[in-house]
Amino acid sequence: MATESEVKEAIKVILSDEKAYKTSLNYAVNYCKAALVMTGHELAIQCLYILNNIQHWRNPNAKDVRIVLKAFVKENRL
């Protein structure tokens, strides 16, 4: 079970990887910044956008970040 705070921590991990901004994270960065002020269902929808835009992101923490985001989306479906 992923909480909103865990999702936001995972998003901060994505945002901390500044060297990947121009390559694998180009659109995901703006989605992540917007997600930091979202909650609930709105945040879950934003997680879908983020997941779609980090498909090519390679980072030691990428797998864990994806697991948290996917769990949050799954738990917050309508």
C-alpha atoms as a PDB file:
ATOM      1  CA  MET A   1       0.000   0.000   0.000  1.00  0.00           C
ATOM      2  CA  ALA A   2       1.436   3.350  -1.082  1.00  0.00           C
ATOM      3  CA  THR A   3       0.549   6.585   0.701  1.00  0.00           C
ATOM      4  CA  GLU A   4       0.529  10.074  -0.761  1.00  0.00           C
ATOM      5  CA  SER A   5       3.668  10.916   1.200  1.00  0.00           C
ATOM      6  CA  GLU A   6       5.464   7.880  -0.251  1.00  0.00           C
ATOM      7  CA  VAL A   7       4.396   8.928  -3.746  1.00  0.00           C
ATOM      8  CA  LYS A   8       5.705  12.438  -3.207  1.00  0.00           C
ATOM      9  CA  GLU A   9       9.016  11.077  -1.902  1.00  0.00           C
ATOM     10  CA  ALA A  10       9.271   8.890  -5.019  1.00  0.00           C
ATOM     11  CA  ILE A  11       8.560  11.923  -7.189  1.00  0.00           C
ATOM     12  CA  LYS A  12      11.328  13.835  -5.409  1.00  0.00           C
ATOM     13  CA  VAL A  13      13.717  11.009  -6.346  1.00  0.00           C
ATOM     14  CA  ILE A  14      12.785  11.522  -9.995  1.00  0.00           C
ATOM     15  CA  LEU A  15      13.269  15.288  -9.701  1.00  0.00           C
ATOM     16  CA  SER A  16      16.662  14.803  -8.031  1.00  0.00           C
ATOM     17  CA  ASP A  17      18.051  13.084 -11.147  1.00  0.00           C
ATOM     18  CA  GLU A  18      18.779  16.365 -12.938  1.00  0.00           C
ATOM     19  CA  LYS A  19      21.283  14.870 -15.372  1.00  0.00           C
ATOM     20  CA  ALA A  20      18.451  12.829 -16.946  1.00  0.00           C
ATOM     21  CA  TYR A  21      16.181  15.878 -17.464  1.00  0.00           C
ATOM     22  CA  LYS A  22      17.182  16.400 -21.108  1.00  0.00           C
ATOM     23  CA  THR A  23      17.014  12.736 -22.070  1.00  0.00           C
ATOM     24  CA  SER A  24      14.755  10.215 -20.379  1.00  0.00           C
ATOM     25  CA  LEU A  25      12.841  12.629 -18.122  1.00  0.00           C
ATOM     26  CA  ASN A  26      12.099  15.575 -20.408  1.00  0.00           C
ATOM     27  CA  TYR A  27       8.268  15.665 -20.063  1.00  0.00           C
ATOM     28  CA  ALA A  28       8.129  13.804 -16.757  1.00  0.00           C
ATOM     29  CA  VAL A  29       9.778  16.693 -14.901  1.00  0.00           C
ATOM     30  CA  ASN A  30       6.805  19.027 -15.381  1.00  0.00           C
ATOM     31  CA  TYR A  31       4.336  16.266 -14.497  1.00  0.00           C
ATOM     32  CA  CYS A  32       6.317  15.575 -11.318  1.00  0.00           C
ATOM     33  CA  LYS A  33       6.419  19.227 -10.300  1.00  0.00           C
ATOM     34  CA  ALA A  34       2.651  19.493 -10.762  1.00  0.00           C
ATOM     35  CA  ALA A  35       2.059  16.274  -8.795  1.00  0.00           C
ATOM     36  CA  LEU A  36       3.742  17.652  -5.688  1.00  0.00           C
ATOM     37  CA  VAL A  37       0.706  19.855  -4.991  1.00  0.00           C
ATOM     38  CA  MET A  38      -1.944  17.246  -5.873  1.00  0.00           C
ATOM     39  CA  THR A  39      -3.813  14.797  -3.665  1.00  0.00           C
ATOM     40  CA  GLY A  40      -6.136  11.812  -3.961  1.00  0.00           C
ATOM     41  CA  HIS A  41      -7.556  10.788  -7.314  1.00  0.00           C
ATOM     42  CA  GLU A  42      -5.950  13.763  -9.057  1.00  0.00           C
ATOM     43  CA  LEU A  43      -2.528  12.584  -7.855  1.00  0.00           C
ATOM     44  CA  ALA A  44      -3.256   9.026  -9.012  1.00  0.00           C
ATOM     45  CA  ILE A  45      -4.072  10.275 -12.516  1.00  0.00           C
ATOM     46  CA  GLN A  46      -0.890  12.359 -12.532  1.00  0.00           C
ATOM     47  CA  CYS A  47       1.073   9.238 -11.539  1.00  0.00           C
ATOM     48  CA  LEU A  48      -0.152   7.602 -14.751  1.00  0.00           C
ATOM     49  CA  TYR A  49       1.297  10.491 -16.769  1.00  0.00           C
ATOM     50  CA  ILE A  50       4.565  10.254 -14.844  1.00  0.00           C
ATOM     51  CA  LEU A  51       4.812   6.482 -15.293  1.00  0.00           C
ATOM     52  CA  ASN A  52       4.227   6.861 -19.017  1.00  0.00           C
ATOM     53  CA  ASN A  53       7.029   9.419 -19.273  1.00  0.00           C
ATOM     54  CA  ILE A  54       9.674   7.617 -17.202  1.00  0.00           C
ATOM     55  CA  GLN A  55       9.670   4.414 -19.251  1.00  0.00           C
ATOM     56  CA  HIS A  56      13.234   4.994 -20.452  1.00  0.00           C
ATOM     57  CA  TRP A  57      14.554   6.399 -17.177  1.00  0.00           C
ATOM     58  CA  ARG A  58      17.456   4.361 -15.827  1.00  0.00           C
ATOM     59  CA  ASN A  59      18.440   5.036 -12.243  1.00  0.00           C
ATOM     60  CA  PRO A  60      19.368   2.805  -9.309  1.00  0.00           C
ATOM     61  CA  ASN A  61      16.075   3.810  -7.650  1.00  0.00           C
ATOM     62  CA  ALA A  62      13.895   3.662 -10.776  1.00  0.00           C
ATOM     63  CA  LYS A  63      12.396   0.251 -10.021  1.00  0.00           C
ATOM     64  CA  ASP A  64      11.370   1.240  -6.491  1.00  0.00           C
ATOM     65  CA  VAL A  65       9.902   4.531  -7.719  1.00  0.00           C
ATOM     66  CA  ARG A  66       7.812   2.733 -10.337  1.00  0.00           C
ATOM     67  CA  ILE A  67       6.561   0.211  -7.757  1.00  0.00           C
ATOM     68  CA  VAL A  68       5.339   3.005  -5.450  1.00  0.00           C
ATOM     69  CA  LEU A  69       3.646   4.941  -8.258  1.00  0.00           C
ATOM     70  CA  LYS A  70       1.954   1.834  -9.684  1.00  0.00           C
ATOM     71  CA  ALA A  71       0.716   0.762  -6.243  1.00  0.00           C
ATOM     72  CA  PHE A  72      -0.781   4.200  -5.605  1.00  0.00           C
ATOM     73  CA  VAL A  73      -2.555   4.189  -8.968  1.00  0.00           C
ATOM     74  CA  LYS A  74      -3.917   0.697  -8.358  1.00  0.00           C
ATOM     75  CA  GLU A  75      -5.252   1.632  -4.925  1.00  0.00           C
ATOM     76  CA  ASN A  76      -6.913   4.845  -6.127  1.00  0.00           C
ATOM     77  CA  ARG A  77      -8.876   3.635  -9.126  1.00  0.00           C
ATOM     78  CA  LEU A  78     -12.521   4.578  -9.427  1.00  0.00           C
END
